[in-house]
PDB file of N, CA and C in Angstrom:
ATOM      1  N   MET A   1       0.837  -1.178   0.000  1.00  0.00           N
ATOM      2  CA  MET A   1       0.000   0.000   0.000  1.00  0.00           C
ATOM      3  C   MET A   1       0.886   1.248   0.000  1.00  0.00           C
ATOM      4  N   ARG A   2       0.571   2.188  -0.856  1.00  0.00           N
ATOM      5  CA  ARG A   2       1.340   3.429  -0.918  1.00  0.00           C
ATOM      6  C   ARG A   2       0.758   4.437   0.076  1.00  0.00           C
ATOM      7  N   HIS A   3       1.595   5.302   0.588  1.00  0.00           N
ATOM      8  CA  HIS A   3       1.129   6.331   1.516  1.00  0.00           C
ATOM      9  C   HIS A   3       1.765   7.657   1.164  1.00  0.00           C
ATOM     10  N   LEU A   4       1.039   8.716   1.406  1.00  0.00           N
ATOM     11  CA  LEU A   4       1.628  10.029   1.274  1.00  0.00           C
ATOM     12  C   LEU A   4       2.684  10.180   2.353  1.00  0.00           C
ATOM     13  N   GLU A   5       3.622  11.044   2.104  1.00  0.00           N
ATOM     14  CA  GLU A   5       4.778  11.198   2.984  1.00  0.00           C
ATOM     15  C   GLU A   5       4.408  11.314   4.455  1.00  0.00           C
ATOM     16  N   LYS A   6       3.379  12.080   4.773  1.00  0.00           N
ATOM     17  CA  LYS A   6       3.006  12.289   6.175  1.00  0.00           C
ATOM     18  C   LYS A   6       1.794  11.470   6.594  1.00  0.00           C
ATOM     19  N   GLY A   7       1.351  10.527   5.750  1.00  0.00           N
ATOM     20  CA  GLY A   7       0.250   9.644   6.106  1.00  0.00           C
ATOM     21  C   GLY A   7      -1.096  10.334   6.228  1.00  0.00           C
ATOM     22  N   ARG A   8      -1.324  11.356   5.465  1.00  0.00           N
ATOM     23  CA  ARG A   8      -2.562  12.121   5.549  1.00  0.00           C
ATOM     24  C   ARG A   8      -3.569  11.672   4.497  1.00  0.00           C
ATOM     25  N   VAL A   9      -4.835  11.918   4.775  1.00  0.00           N
ATOM     26  CA  VAL A   9      -5.888  11.734   3.796  1.00  0.00           C
ATOM     27  C   VAL A   9      -6.007  13.057   3.045  1.00  0.00           C
ATOM     28  N   VAL A  10      -6.051  13.000   1.716  1.00  0.00           N
ATOM     29  CA  VAL A  10      -6.134  14.210   0.905  1.00  0.00           C
ATOM     30  C   VAL A  10      -7.497  14.256   0.238  1.00  0.00           C
ATOM     31  N   ILE A  11      -8.170  15.388   0.373  1.00  0.00           N
ATOM     32  CA  ILE A  11      -9.467  15.580  -0.262  1.00  0.00           C
ATOM     33  C   ILE A  11      -9.315  16.692  -1.296  1.00  0.00           C
ATOM     34  N   PHE A  12      -9.596  16.364  -2.559  1.00  0.00           N
ATOM     35  CA  PHE A  12      -9.568  17.348  -3.629  1.00  0.00           C
ATOM     36  C   PHE A  12     -10.989  17.827  -3.874  1.00  0.00           C
ATOM     37  N   GLY A  13     -11.159  19.110  -4.068  1.00  0.00           N
ATOM     38  CA  GLY A  13     -12.469  19.659  -4.393  1.00  0.00           C
ATOM     39  C   GLY A  13     -12.335  20.658  -5.517  1.00  0.00           C
ATOM     40  N   ALA A  14     -12.603  20.229  -6.747  1.00  0.00           N
ATOM     41  CA  ALA A  14     -12.488  21.131  -7.897  1.00  0.00           C
ATOM     42  C   ALA A  14     -12.843  20.387  -9.162  1.00  0.00           C
ATOM     43  N   GLY A  15     -12.992  21.117 -10.225  1.00  0.00           N
ATOM     44  CA  GLY A  15     -13.184  20.520 -11.543  1.00  0.00           C
ATOM     45  C   GLY A  15     -11.890  20.619 -12.323  1.00  0.00           C
ATOM     46  N   THR A  16     -11.953  20.327 -13.620  1.00  0.00           N
ATOM     47  CA  THR A  16     -10.752  20.420 -14.453  1.00  0.00           C
ATOM     48  C   THR A  16     -10.612  21.803 -15.078  1.00  0.00           C
ATOM     49  N   GLY A  17     -11.704  22.556 -15.090  1.00  0.00           N
ATOM     50  CA  GLY A  17     -11.683  23.851 -15.766  1.00  0.00           C
ATOM     51  C   GLY A  17     -11.889  23.713 -17.265  1.00  0.00           C
ATOM     52  N   ASN A  18     -12.220  22.502 -17.710  1.00  0.00           N
ATOM     53  CA  ASN A  18     -12.450  22.241 -19.131  1.00  0.00           C
ATOM     54  C   ASN A  18     -13.904  21.837 -19.347  1.00  0.00           C
ATOM     55  N   PRO A  19     -14.505  22.336 -20.429  1.00  0.00           N
ATOM     56  CA  PRO A  19     -15.879  21.918 -20.706  1.00  0.00           C
ATOM     57  C   PRO A  19     -15.922  20.426 -21.028  1.00  0.00           C
ATOM     58  N   TYR A  20     -17.055  19.802 -20.791  1.00  0.00           N
ATOM     59  CA  TYR A  20     -17.324  18.391 -21.092  1.00  0.00           C
ATOM     60  C   TYR A  20     -16.678  17.409 -20.114  1.00  0.00           C
ATOM     61  N   PHE A  21     -15.970  17.894 -19.102  1.00  0.00           N
ATOM     62  CA  PHE A  21     -15.368  17.012 -18.114  1.00  0.00           C
ATOM     63  C   PHE A  21     -16.006  17.279 -16.762  1.00  0.00           C
ATOM     64  N   THR A  22     -16.400  16.218 -16.074  1.00  0.00           N
ATOM     65  CA  THR A  22     -17.099  16.344 -14.803  1.00  0.00           C
ATOM     66  C   THR A  22     -16.114  16.406 -13.636  1.00  0.00           C
ATOM     67  N   THR A  23     -16.658  16.655 -12.455  1.00  0.00           N
ATOM     68  CA  THR A  23     -15.822  16.624 -11.250  1.00  0.00           C
ATOM     69  C   THR A  23     -15.332  15.197 -10.971  1.00  0.00           C
ATOM     70  N   ASP A  24     -16.078  14.179 -11.419  1.00  0.00           N
ATOM     71  CA  ASP A  24     -15.593  12.795 -11.294  1.00  0.00           C
ATOM     72  C   ASP A  24     -14.298  12.621 -12.079  1.00  0.00           C
ATOM     73  N   THR A  25     -14.256  13.189 -13.277  1.00  0.00           N
ATOM     74  CA  THR A  25     -13.039  13.099 -14.094  1.00  0.00           C
ATOM     75  C   THR A  25     -11.884  13.831 -13.418  1.00  0.00           C
ATOM     76  N   ALA A  26     -12.163  15.006 -12.871  1.00  0.00           N
ATOM     77  CA  ALA A  26     -11.114  15.763 -12.170  1.00  0.00           C
ATOM     78  C   ALA A  26     -10.586  14.953 -10.995  1.00  0.00           C
ATOM     79  N   GLY A  27     -11.480  14.361 -10.226  1.00  0.00           N
ATOM     80  CA  GLY A  27     -11.063  13.557  -9.084  1.00  0.00           C
ATOM     81  C   GLY A  27     -10.228  12.360  -9.503  1.00  0.00           C
ATOM     82  N   SER A  28     -10.634  11.699 -10.573  1.00  0.00           N
ATOM     83  CA  SER A  28      -9.887  10.543 -11.074  1.00  0.00           C
ATOM     84  C   SER A  28      -8.495  10.955 -11.549  1.00  0.00           C
ATOM     85  N   LEU A  29      -8.432  12.048 -12.277  1.00  0.00           N
ATOM     86  CA  LEU A  29      -7.132  12.548 -12.749  1.00  0.00           C
ATOM     87  C   LEU A  29      -6.184  12.853 -11.584  1.00  0.00           C
ATOM     88  N   ARG A  30      -6.684  13.595 -10.584  1.00  0.00           N
ATOM     89  CA  ARG A  30      -5.837  13.944  -9.433  1.00  0.00           C
ATOM     90  C   ARG A  30      -5.412  12.694  -8.668  1.00  0.00           C
ATOM     91  N   ALA A  31      -6.330  11.753  -8.476  1.00  0.00           N
ATOM     92  CA  ALA A  31      -6.010  10.518  -7.748  1.00  0.00           C
ATOM     93  C   ALA A  31      -4.915   9.733  -8.468  1.00  0.00           C
ATOM     94  N   ILE A  32      -4.999   9.661  -9.777  1.00  0.00           N
ATOM     95  CA  ILE A  32      -3.973   8.959 -10.559  1.00  0.00           C
ATOM     96  C   ILE A  32      -2.646   9.691 -10.454  1.00  0.00           C
ATOM     97  N   GLU A  33      -2.677  11.022 -10.541  1.00  0.00           N
ATOM     98  CA  GLU A  33      -1.449  11.825 -10.455  1.00  0.00           C
ATOM     99  C   GLU A  33      -0.703  11.604  -9.144  1.00  0.00           C
ATOM    100  N   ILE A  34      -1.433  11.509  -8.047  1.00  0.00           N
ATOM    101  CA  ILE A  34      -0.748  11.359  -6.754  1.00  0.00           C
ATOM    102  C   ILE A  34      -0.548   9.893  -6.369  1.00  0.00           C
ATOM    103  N   LYS A  35      -0.926   8.990  -7.289  1.00  0.00           N
ATOM    104  CA  LYS A  35      -0.795   7.552  -7.035  1.00  0.00           C
ATOM    105  C   LYS A  35      -1.592   7.123  -5.789  1.00  0.00           C
ATOM    106  N   ALA A  36      -2.827   7.590  -5.742  1.00  0.00           N
ATOM    107  CA  ALA A  36      -3.714   7.261  -4.615  1.00  0.00           C
ATOM    108  C   ALA A  36      -3.986   5.762  -4.571  1.00  0.00           C
ATOM    109  N   ASP A  37      -4.290   5.264  -3.378  1.00  0.00           N
ATOM    110  CA  ASP A  37      -4.636   3.854  -3.202  1.00  0.00           C
ATOM    111  C   ASP A  37      -6.050   3.563  -3.682  1.00  0.00           C
ATOM    112  N   VAL A  38      -6.933   4.569  -3.597  1.00  0.00           N
ATOM    113  CA  VAL A  38      -8.342   4.371  -3.905  1.00  0.00           C
ATOM    114  C   VAL A  38      -8.978   5.737  -4.151  1.00  0.00           C
ATOM    115  N   ILE A  39     -10.094   5.744  -4.889  1.00  0.00           N
ATOM    116  CA  ILE A  39     -10.882   6.959  -5.028  1.00  0.00           C
ATOM    117  C   ILE A  39     -12.214   6.701  -4.314  1.00  0.00           C
ATOM    118  N   LEU A  40     -12.647   7.665  -3.534  1.00  0.00           N
ATOM    119  CA  LEU A  40     -13.887   7.544  -2.784  1.00  0.00           C
ATOM    120  C   LEU A  40     -14.971   8.326  -3.513  1.00  0.00           C
ATOM    121  N   LYS A  41     -16.055   7.654  -3.853  1.00  0.00           N
ATOM    122  CA  LYS A  41     -17.171   8.266  -4.572  1.00  0.00           C
ATOM    123  C   LYS A  41     -18.355   8.348  -3.622  1.00  0.00           C
ATOM    124  N   GLY A  42     -18.514   9.504  -2.989  1.00  0.00           N
ATOM    125  CA  GLY A  42     -19.641   9.721  -2.097  1.00  0.00           C
ATOM    126  C   GLY A  42     -20.881  10.025  -2.909  1.00  0.00           C
ATOM    127  N   THR A  43     -21.988   9.385  -2.570  1.00  0.00           N
ATOM    128  CA  THR A  43     -23.229   9.548  -3.317  1.00  0.00           C
ATOM    129  C   THR A  43     -24.426   9.438  -2.363  1.00  0.00           C
ATOM    130  N   ARG A  44     -25.635   9.323  -2.904  1.00  0.00           N
ATOM    131  CA  ARG A  44     -26.849   9.274  -2.080  1.00  0.00           C
ATOM    132  C   ARG A  44     -27.246   7.865  -1.672  1.00  0.00           C
ATOM    133  N   VAL A  45     -26.610   6.855  -2.240  1.00  0.00           N
ATOM    134  CA  VAL A  45     -26.938   5.463  -1.909  1.00  0.00           C
ATOM    135  C   VAL A  45     -25.673   4.756  -1.442  1.00  0.00           C
ATOM    136  N   ASN A  46     -25.846   3.693  -0.658  1.00  0.00           N
ATOM    137  CA  ASN A  46     -24.705   3.035  -0.031  1.00  0.00           C
ATOM    138  C   ASN A  46     -24.085   1.964  -0.922  1.00  0.00           C
ATOM    139  N   GLY A  47     -23.664   2.360  -2.108  1.00  0.00           N
ATOM    140  CA  GLY A  47     -22.968   1.430  -2.977  1.00  0.00           C
ATOM    141  C   GLY A  47     -23.586   1.340  -4.345  1.00  0.00           C
ATOM    142  N   ILE A  48     -23.200   0.274  -5.047  1.00  0.00           N
ATOM    143  CA  ILE A  48     -23.680   0.013  -6.399  1.00  0.00           C
ATOM    144  C   ILE A  48     -24.695  -1.120  -6.319  1.00  0.00           C
ATOM    145  N   TYR A  49     -25.799  -0.937  -7.013  1.00  0.00           N
ATOM    146  CA  TYR A  49     -26.906  -1.887  -6.976  1.00  0.00           C
ATOM    147  C   TYR A  49     -27.225  -2.395  -8.381  1.00  0.00           C
ATOM    148  N   THR A  50     -28.003  -3.457  -8.444  1.00  0.00           N
ATOM    149  CA  THR A  50     -28.433  -4.030  -9.716  1.00  0.00           C
ATOM    150  C   THR A  50     -29.315  -3.063 -10.500  1.00  0.00           C
ATOM    151  N   ALA A  51     -29.949  -2.135  -9.804  1.00  0.00           N
ATOM    152  CA  ALA A  51     -30.787  -1.093 -10.401  1.00  0.00           C
ATOM    153  C   ALA A  51     -30.766   0.088  -9.428  1.00  0.00           C
ATOM    154  N   ASP A  52     -31.356   1.200  -9.812  1.00  0.00           N
ATOM    155  CA  ASP A  52     -31.390   2.370  -8.940  1.00  0.00           C
ATOM    156  C   ASP A  52     -32.255   2.053  -7.713  1.00  0.00           C
ATOM    157  N   PRO A  53     -31.663   1.951  -6.521  1.00  0.00           N
ATOM    158  CA  PRO A  53     -32.447   1.585  -5.342  1.00  0.00           C
ATOM    159  C   PRO A  53     -33.454   2.642  -4.916  1.00  0.00           C
ATOM    160  N   GLU A  54     -33.281   3.861  -5.397  1.00  0.00           N
ATOM    161  CA  GLU A  54     -34.258   4.908  -5.092  1.00  0.00           C
ATOM    162  C   GLU A  54     -35.528   4.732  -5.925  1.00  0.00           C
ATOM    163  N   LYS A  55     -35.422   3.987  -7.025  1.00  0.00           N
ATOM    164  CA  LYS A  55     -36.570   3.763  -7.907  1.00  0.00           C
ATOM    165  C   LYS A  55     -37.050   2.314  -7.890  1.00  0.00           C
ATOM    166  N   ASP A  56     -36.163   1.382  -7.558  1.00  0.00           N
ATOM    167  CA  ASP A  56     -36.492  -0.041  -7.619  1.00  0.00           C
ATOM    168  C   ASP A  56     -36.216  -0.699  -6.264  1.00  0.00           C
ATOM    169  N   PRO A  57     -37.265  -0.959  -5.478  1.00  0.00           N
ATOM    170  CA  PRO A  57     -37.075  -1.539  -4.146  1.00  0.00           C
ATOM    171  C   PRO A  57     -36.522  -2.967  -4.167  1.00  0.00           C
ATOM    172  N   THR A  58     -36.521  -3.610  -5.332  1.00  0.00           N
ATOM    173  CA  THR A  58     -35.977  -4.973  -5.425  1.00  0.00           C
ATOM    174  C   THR A  58     -34.489  -4.976  -5.786  1.00  0.00           C
ATOM    175  N   ALA A  59     -33.901  -3.805  -5.981  1.00  0.00           N
ATOM    176  CA  ALA A  59     -32.480  -3.718  -6.328  1.00  0.00           C
ATOM    177  C   ALA A  59     -31.629  -4.327  -5.212  1.00  0.00           C
ATOM    178  N   THR A  60     -30.609  -5.060  -5.607  1.00  0.00           N
ATOM    179  CA  THR A  60     -29.707  -5.653  -4.619  1.00  0.00           C
ATOM    180  C   THR A  60     -28.318  -5.061  -4.771  1.00  0.00           C
ATOM    181  N   LYS A  61     -27.640  -4.939  -3.649  1.00  0.00           N
ATOM    182  CA  LYS A  61     -26.340  -4.280  -3.589  1.00  0.00           C
ATOM    183  C   LYS A  61     -25.207  -5.251  -3.891  1.00  0.00           C
ATOM    184  N   TYR A  62     -24.220  -4.752  -4.612  1.00  0.00           N
ATOM    185  CA  TYR A  62     -22.975  -5.476  -4.816  1.00  0.00           C
ATOM    186  C   TYR A  62     -22.008  -5.060  -3.707  1.00  0.00           C
ATOM    187  N   GLU A  63     -21.403  -6.020  -3.030  1.00  0.00           N
ATOM    188  CA  GLU A  63     -20.364  -5.701  -2.040  1.00  0.00           C
ATOM    189  C   GLU A  63     -19.072  -5.349  -2.765  1.00  0.00           C
ATOM    190  N   THR A  64     -18.765  -6.127  -3.805  1.00  0.00           N
ATOM    191  CA  THR A  64     -17.622  -5.868  -4.681  1.00  0.00           C
ATOM    192  C   THR A  64     -18.070  -6.161  -6.109  1.00  0.00           C
ATOM    193  N   ILE A  65     -17.416  -5.511  -7.062  1.00  0.00           N
ATOM    194  CA  ILE A  65     -17.722  -5.735  -8.468  1.00  0.00           C
ATOM    195  C   ILE A  65     -16.504  -5.307  -9.286  1.00  0.00           C
ATOM    196  N   SER A  66     -16.304  -5.941 -10.418  1.00  0.00           N
ATOM    197  CA  SER A  66     -15.176  -5.585 -11.274  1.00  0.00           C
ATOM    198  C   SER A  66     -15.560  -4.425 -12.187  1.00  0.00           C
ATOM    199  N   PHE A  67     -14.542  -3.754 -12.701  1.00  0.00           N
ATOM    200  CA  PHE A  67     -14.779  -2.694 -13.684  1.00  0.00           C
ATOM    201  C   PHE A  67     -15.520  -3.275 -14.891  1.00  0.00           C
ATOM    202  N   ALA A  68     -15.060  -4.440 -15.362  1.00  0.00           N
ATOM    203  CA  ALA A  68     -15.659  -5.062 -16.545  1.00  0.00           C
ATOM    204  C   ALA A  68     -17.133  -5.385 -16.319  1.00  0.00           C
ATOM    205  N   ASP A  69     -17.481  -5.894 -15.128  1.00  0.00           N
ATOM    206  CA  ASP A  69     -18.879  -6.208 -14.841  1.00  0.00           C
ATOM    207  C   ASP A  69     -19.745  -4.948 -14.806  1.00  0.00           C
ATOM    208  N   CYS A  70     -19.211  -3.865 -14.277  1.00  0.00           N
ATOM    209  CA  CYS A  70     -19.962  -2.598 -14.269  1.00  0.00           C
ATOM    210  C   CYS A  70     -20.275  -2.158 -15.688  1.00  0.00           C
ATOM    211  N   ILE A  71     -19.293  -2.275 -16.571  1.00  0.00           N
ATOM    212  CA  ILE A  71     -19.494  -1.871 -17.970  1.00  0.00           C
ATOM    213  C   ILE A  71     -20.484  -2.818 -18.640  1.00  0.00           C
ATOM    214  N   GLN A  72     -20.271  -4.124 -18.473  1.00  0.00           N
ATOM    215  CA  GLN A  72     -21.132  -5.115 -19.108  1.00  0.00           C
ATOM    216  C   GLN A  72     -22.582  -4.994 -18.647  1.00  0.00           C
ATOM    217  N   LYS A  73     -22.799  -4.679 -17.367  1.00  0.00           N
ATOM    218  CA  LYS A  73     -24.149  -4.561 -16.808  1.00  0.00           C
ATOM    219  C   LYS A  73     -24.716  -3.149 -16.976  1.00  0.00           C
ATOM    220  N   ASN A  74     -23.907  -2.257 -17.586  1.00  0.00           N
ATOM    221  CA  ASN A  74     -24.299  -0.864 -17.821  1.00  0.00           C
ATOM    222  C   ASN A  74     -24.696  -0.157 -16.530  1.00  0.00           C
ATOM    223  N   LEU A  75     -23.917  -0.379 -15.475  1.00  0.00           N
ATOM    224  CA  LEU A  75     -24.159   0.269 -14.189  1.00  0.00           C
ATOM    225  C   LEU A  75     -23.557   1.664 -14.204  1.00  0.00           C
ATOM    226  N   LYS A  76     -24.296   2.626 -13.716  1.00  0.00           N
ATOM    227  CA  LYS A  76     -23.869   4.029 -13.745  1.00  0.00           C
ATOM    228  C   LYS A  76     -23.135   4.363 -12.451  1.00  0.00           C
ATOM    229  N   VAL A  77     -21.837   4.137 -12.425  1.00  0.00           N
ATOM    230  CA  VAL A  77     -21.032   4.396 -11.237  1.00  0.00           C
ATOM    231  C   VAL A  77     -20.609   5.858 -11.204  1.00  0.00           C
ATOM    232  N   MET A  78     -20.055   6.313 -12.301  1.00  0.00           N
ATOM    233  CA  MET A  78     -19.634   7.709 -12.487  1.00  0.00           C
ATOM    234  C   MET A  78     -19.520   7.923 -13.987  1.00  0.00           C
ATOM    235  N   ASP A  79     -19.160   9.113 -14.413  1.00  0.00           N
ATOM    236  CA  ASP A  79     -19.096   9.313 -15.856  1.00  0.00           C
ATOM    237  C   ASP A  79     -18.054   8.370 -16.459  1.00  0.00           C
ATOM    238  N   MET A  80     -18.292   7.943 -17.685  1.00  0.00           N
ATOM    239  CA  MET A  80     -17.477   6.894 -18.302  1.00  0.00           C
ATOM    240  C   MET A  80     -16.018   7.301 -18.482  1.00  0.00           C
ATOM    241  N   THR A  81     -15.743   8.570 -18.716  1.00  0.00           N
ATOM    242  CA  THR A  81     -14.353   9.016 -18.839  1.00  0.00           C
ATOM    243  C   THR A  81     -13.615   8.786 -17.528  1.00  0.00           C
ATOM    244  N   ALA A  82     -14.218   9.212 -16.427  1.00  0.00           N
ATOM    245  CA  ALA A  82     -13.609   9.021 -15.104  1.00  0.00           C
ATOM    246  C   ALA A  82     -13.469   7.541 -14.789  1.00  0.00           C
ATOM    247  N   PHE A  83     -14.509   6.777 -15.079  1.00  0.00           N
ATOM    248  CA  PHE A  83     -14.522   5.350 -14.775  1.00  0.00           C
ATOM    249  C   PHE A  83     -13.415   4.611 -15.527  1.00  0.00           C
ATOM    250  N   THR A  84     -13.287   4.883 -16.825  1.00  0.00           N
ATOM    251  CA  THR A  84     -12.261   4.185 -17.599  1.00  0.00           C
ATOM    252  C   THR A  84     -10.851   4.639 -17.219  1.00  0.00           C
ATOM    253  N   LEU A  85     -10.698   5.890 -16.804  1.00  0.00           N
ATOM    254  CA  LEU A  85      -9.398   6.328 -16.286  1.00  0.00           C
ATOM    255  C   LEU A  85      -9.001   5.494 -15.072  1.00  0.00           C
ATOM    256  N   CYS A  86      -9.940   5.286 -14.173  1.00  0.00           N
ATOM    257  CA  CYS A  86      -9.671   4.466 -12.989  1.00  0.00           C
ATOM    258  C   CYS A  86      -9.355   3.031 -13.393  1.00  0.00           C
ATOM    259  N   MET A  87     -10.152   2.487 -14.305  1.00  0.00           N
ATOM    260  CA  MET A  87      -9.958   1.111 -14.743  1.00  0.00           C
ATOM    261  C   MET A  87      -8.580   0.936 -15.394  1.00  0.00           C
ATOM    262  N   GLU A  88      -8.221   1.822 -16.300  1.00  0.00           N
ATOM    263  CA  GLU A  88      -6.956   1.713 -17.023  1.00  0.00           C
ATOM    264  C   GLU A  88      -5.747   1.900 -16.116  1.00  0.00           C
ATOM    265  N   ASN A  89      -5.939   2.568 -14.994  1.00  0.00           N
ATOM    266  CA  ASN A  89      -4.832   2.823 -14.070  1.00  0.00           C
ATOM    267  C   ASN A  89      -4.920   1.981 -12.800  1.00  0.00           C
ATOM    268  N   ASN A  90      -5.787   0.953 -12.826  1.00  0.00           N
ATOM    269  CA  ASN A  90      -5.942   0.044 -11.681  1.00  0.00           C
ATOM    270  C   ASN A  90      -6.185   0.788 -10.377  1.00  0.00           C
ATOM    271  N   LEU A  91      -7.039   1.808 -10.440  1.00  0.00           N
ATOM    272  CA  LEU A  91      -7.375   2.607  -9.279  1.00  0.00           C
ATOM    273  C   LEU A  91      -8.750   2.186  -8.770  1.00  0.00           C
ATOM    274  N   PRO A  92      -8.815   1.455  -7.657  1.00  0.00           N
ATOM    275  CA  PRO A  92     -10.113   1.022  -7.137  1.00  0.00           C
ATOM    276  C   PRO A  92     -10.996   2.210  -6.755  1.00  0.00           C
ATOM    277  N   ILE A  93     -12.299   1.974  -6.790  1.00  0.00           N
ATOM    278  CA  ILE A  93     -13.290   2.985  -6.428  1.00  0.00           C
ATOM    279  C   ILE A  93     -14.159   2.414  -5.309  1.00  0.00           C
ATOM    280  N   VAL A  94     -14.370   3.197  -4.256  1.00  0.00           N
ATOM    281  CA  VAL A  94     -15.331   2.824  -3.220  1.00  0.00           C
ATOM    282  C   VAL A  94     -16.508   3.780  -3.352  1.00  0.00           C
ATOM    283  N   VAL A  95     -17.678   3.218  -3.617  1.00  0.00           N
ATOM    284  CA  VAL A  95     -18.915   3.998  -3.736  1.00  0.00           C
ATOM    285  C   VAL A  95     -19.680   3.828  -2.431  1.00  0.00           C
ATOM    286  N   PHE A  96     -19.982   4.953  -1.762  1.00  0.00           N
ATOM    287  CA  PHE A  96     -20.638   4.882  -0.455  1.00  0.00           C
ATOM    288  C   PHE A  96     -21.605   6.042  -0.269  1.00  0.00           C
ATOM    289  N   ASP A  97     -22.500   5.896   0.704  1.00  0.00           N
ATOM    290  CA  ASP A  97     -23.494   6.925   1.018  1.00  0.00           C
ATOM    291  C   ASP A  97     -22.833   8.021   1.844  1.00  0.00           C
ATOM    292  N   MET A  98     -22.693   9.190   1.254  1.00  0.00           N
ATOM    293  CA  MET A  98     -22.038  10.299   1.956  1.00  0.00           C
ATOM    294  C   MET A  98     -22.969  10.989   2.946  1.00  0.00           C
ATOM    295  N   ASN A  99     -24.262  10.668   2.894  1.00  0.00           N
ATOM    296  CA  ASN A  99     -25.229  11.312   3.781  1.00  0.00           C
ATOM    297  C   ASN A  99     -25.440  10.566   5.095  1.00  0.00           C
ATOM    298  N   THR A 100     -24.863   9.382   5.218  1.00  0.00           N
ATOM    299  CA  THR A 100     -24.975   8.628   6.460  1.00  0.00           C
ATOM    300  C   THR A 100     -23.849   9.049   7.388  1.00  0.00           C
ATOM    301  N   GLU A 101     -24.215   9.587   8.546  1.00  0.00           N
ATOM    302  CA  GLU A 101     -23.230  10.074   9.493  1.00  0.00           C
ATOM    303  C   GLU A 101     -22.239   8.974   9.863  1.00  0.00           C
ATOM    304  N   GLY A 102     -20.961   9.314   9.799  1.00  0.00           N
ATOM    305  CA  GLY A 102     -19.907   8.383  10.171  1.00  0.00           C
ATOM    306  C   GLY A 102     -19.342   7.570   9.018  1.00  0.00           C
ATOM    307  N   ASN A 103     -20.011   7.564   7.857  1.00  0.00           N
ATOM    308  CA  ASN A 103     -19.535   6.746   6.739  1.00  0.00           C
ATOM    309  C   ASN A 103     -18.167   7.172   6.219  1.00  0.00           C
ATOM    310  N   LEU A 104     -17.934   8.473   6.103  1.00  0.00           N
ATOM    311  CA  LEU A 104     -16.637   8.928   5.591  1.00  0.00           C
ATOM    312  C   LEU A 104     -15.517   8.478   6.522  1.00  0.00           C
ATOM    313  N   LEU A 105     -15.709   8.624   7.810  1.00  0.00           N
ATOM    314  CA  LEU A 105     -14.702   8.173   8.771  1.00  0.00           C
ATOM    315  C   LEU A 105     -14.484   6.666   8.643  1.00  0.00           C
ATOM    316  N   LYS A 106     -15.564   5.914   8.523  1.00  0.00           N
ATOM    317  CA  LYS A 106     -15.438   4.466   8.353  1.00  0.00           C
ATOM    318  C   LYS A 106     -14.623   4.116   7.116  1.00  0.00           C
ATOM    319  N   VAL A 107     -14.911   4.783   6.000  1.00  0.00           N
ATOM    320  CA  VAL A 107     -14.204   4.490   4.751  1.00  0.00           C
ATOM    321  C   VAL A 107     -12.710   4.798   4.883  1.00  0.00           C
ATOM    322  N   VAL A 108     -12.364   5.971   5.409  1.00  0.00           N
ATOM    323  CA  VAL A 108     -10.946   6.337   5.472  1.00  0.00           C
ATOM    324  C   VAL A 108     -10.174   5.551   6.523  1.00  0.00           C
ATOM    325  N   THR A 109     -10.886   4.929   7.463  1.00  0.00           N
ATOM    326  CA  THR A 109     -10.190   4.092   8.462  1.00  0.00           C
ATOM    327  C   THR A 109     -10.198   2.623   8.058  1.00  0.00           C
ATOM    328  N   GLY A 110     -10.703   2.335   6.854  1.00  0.00           N
ATOM    329  CA  GLY A 110     -10.610   0.979   6.325  1.00  0.00           C
ATOM    330  C   GLY A 110     -11.781   0.066   6.605  1.00  0.00           C
ATOM    331  N   GLU A 111     -12.840   0.586   7.235  1.00  0.00           N
ATOM    332  CA  GLU A 111     -14.016  -0.259   7.440  1.00  0.00           C
ATOM    333  C   GLU A 111     -14.729  -0.493   6.114  1.00  0.00           C
ATOM    334  N   LYS A 112     -15.405  -1.616   5.998  1.00  0.00           N
ATOM    335  CA  LYS A 112     -16.126  -1.961   4.788  1.00  0.00           C
ATOM    336  C   LYS A 112     -17.435  -1.190   4.743  1.00  0.00           C
ATOM    337  N   VAL A 113     -17.519  -0.282   3.796  1.00  0.00           N
ATOM    338  CA  VAL A 113     -18.718   0.537   3.587  1.00  0.00           C
ATOM    339  C   VAL A 113     -18.955   0.618   2.087  1.00  0.00           C
ATOM    340  N   GLY A 114     -20.195   0.519   1.668  1.00  0.00           N
ATOM    341  CA  GLY A 114     -20.512   0.683   0.252  1.00  0.00           C
ATOM    342  C   GLY A 114     -20.061  -0.485  -0.597  1.00  0.00           C
ATOM    343  N   THR A 115     -19.652  -0.167  -1.826  1.00  0.00           N
ATOM    344  CA  THR A 115     -19.226  -1.163  -2.811  1.00  0.00           C
ATOM    345  C   THR A 115     -17.819  -0.832  -3.287  1.00  0.00           C
ATOM    346  N   LEU A 116     -16.994  -1.854  -3.404  1.00  0.00           N
ATOM    347  CA  LEU A 116     -15.634  -1.712  -3.943  1.00  0.00           C
ATOM    348  C   LEU A 116     -15.630  -2.151  -5.397  1.00  0.00           C
ATOM    349  N   VAL A 117     -15.181  -1.259  -6.288  1.00  0.00           N
ATOM    350  CA  VAL A 117     -14.981  -1.592  -7.698  1.00  0.00           C
ATOM    351  C   VAL A 117     -13.485  -1.755  -7.903  1.00  0.00           C
ATOM    352  N   SER A 118     -13.090  -2.919  -8.423  1.00  0.00           N
ATOM    353  CA  SER A 118     -11.656  -3.122  -8.680  1.00  0.00           C
ATOM    354  C   SER A 118     -11.456  -4.109  -9.818  1.00  0.00           C
TER     355      SER A 118
END
């Protein structure tokens, strides 16, 4: 596992400043540049599901899933440019509910929260 020199968690908040690129793409680019161990994707649901759990109560959650399976199943994890950047650079993604109190702390301390894409 790689670590920043002082063992800190780094949070980037910005876009690329280029049209047609989302903040997901900016985050993926920065994470790859600093050789991050993982990218954290905070969202409204606690992971990746077989369908949108806000619309489909029968949707089931994936604990882990591969990049290839996400593409094959057409799961909307993040914009495809950001997603393929992560895939091509072997950068895992943790998708978790950012609105649940304590989840961010759990994720950065290594507890299993949400879904791991790798």
